């Protein structure tokens, strides 16, 4: 006579695996969130420093120096 081993309908839950997968998913979500936030900050910084890269600020400084010299000459 052979005995039949039945497979339980609901196997026991491996709580350590559940906890690991939960923590890993939270970690990945944090990386995605903070990565996107860092990307946005980088784009904002690049937009703010674009005039420096274009040389626009140097041109403004030359214009201001020229205006100052002209005003000083006119005042004399």
Protein backbone atom coordinates (compact mmCIF):
# COMPACT_ATOMS: atom_id res chain seq x y z
CA UNK A 1 0.00 0.00 0.00
CA UNK A 2 1.30 3.38 -1.00
CA UNK A 3 0.71 6.49 0.99
CA UNK A 4 -0.02 9.67 -0.87
CA UNK A 5 1.70 12.83 0.25
CA UNK A 6 -0.56 15.72 -0.39
CA UNK A 7 0.75 19.16 -1.24
CA UNK A 8 -0.76 21.78 1.03
CA UNK A 9 -3.06 24.23 -0.71
CA UNK A 10 -1.39 27.19 1.00
CA UNK A 11 2.31 26.59 1.49
CA UNK A 12 3.89 28.36 4.46
CA UNK A 13 4.96 31.94 3.80
CA UNK A 14 8.67 32.62 3.79
CA UNK A 15 8.56 35.91 5.72
CA UNK A 16 12.26 36.60 5.32
CA UNK A 17 11.88 36.50 1.53
CA UNK A 18 8.81 38.73 1.72
CA UNK A 19 10.68 41.23 3.90
CA UNK A 20 13.70 41.19 1.59
CA UNK A 21 11.61 41.77 -1.54
CA UNK A 22 9.65 44.55 0.19
CA UNK A 23 12.86 46.30 1.31
CA UNK A 24 14.43 45.87 -2.13
CA UNK A 25 11.40 47.39 -3.84
CA UNK A 26 11.43 50.36 -1.43
CA UNK A 27 15.14 50.85 -2.13
CA UNK A 28 14.66 50.80 -5.90
CA UNK A 29 11.75 53.22 -5.62
CA UNK A 30 13.98 55.56 -3.61
CA UNK A 31 16.71 55.38 -6.24
CA UNK A 32 14.23 56.21 -8.98
CA UNK A 33 12.69 59.10 -7.02
CA UNK A 34 15.97 60.68 -5.95
CA UNK A 35 17.53 60.04 -9.34
CA UNK A 36 14.72 61.94 -11.04
CA UNK A 37 15.03 64.72 -8.47
CA UNK A 38 18.77 64.94 -9.10
CA UNK A 39 18.19 65.04 -12.85
CA UNK A 40 15.76 67.95 -12.42
CA UNK A 41 18.27 69.82 -10.25
CA UNK A 42 20.97 69.29 -12.87
CA UNK A 43 18.74 70.64 -15.64
CA UNK A 44 17.91 73.70 -13.51
CA UNK A 45 21.59 74.31 -12.81
CA UNK A 46 22.46 73.98 -16.50
CA UNK A 47 19.72 76.45 -17.43
CA UNK A 48 20.98 78.96 -14.86
CA UNK A 49 24.60 78.68 -15.96
CA UNK A 50 23.90 78.73 -19.70
CA UNK A 51 24.65 82.49 -19.99
CA UNK A 52 28.09 81.79 -18.56
CA UNK A 53 28.71 79.14 -21.19
CA UNK A 54 27.49 81.46 -23.96
CA UNK A 55 29.66 84.35 -22.79
CA UNK A 56 26.63 86.60 -22.29
CA UNK A 57 27.80 87.69 -18.84
CA UNK A 58 31.19 88.73 -20.22
CA UNK A 59 29.42 90.85 -22.84
CA UNK A 60 27.27 92.46 -20.15
CA UNK A 61 30.37 93.26 -18.08
CA UNK A 62 32.00 94.90 -21.14
CA UNK A 63 28.86 96.92 -21.79
CA UNK A 64 28.70 98.06 -18.16
CA UNK A 65 32.38 99.03 -18.24
CA UNK A 66 31.84 100.96 -21.47
CA UNK A 67 28.80 102.78 -19.99
CA UNK A 68 30.73 103.61 -16.81
CA UNK A 69 33.67 105.01 -18.83
CA UNK A 70 31.30 107.03 -20.99
CA UNK A 71 29.51 108.49 -17.94
CA UNK A 72 32.82 109.37 -16.30
CA UNK A 73 33.99 111.15 -19.48
CA UNK A 74 30.70 113.03 -19.79
CA UNK A 75 30.83 114.09 -16.13
CA UNK A 76 34.34 115.54 -16.54
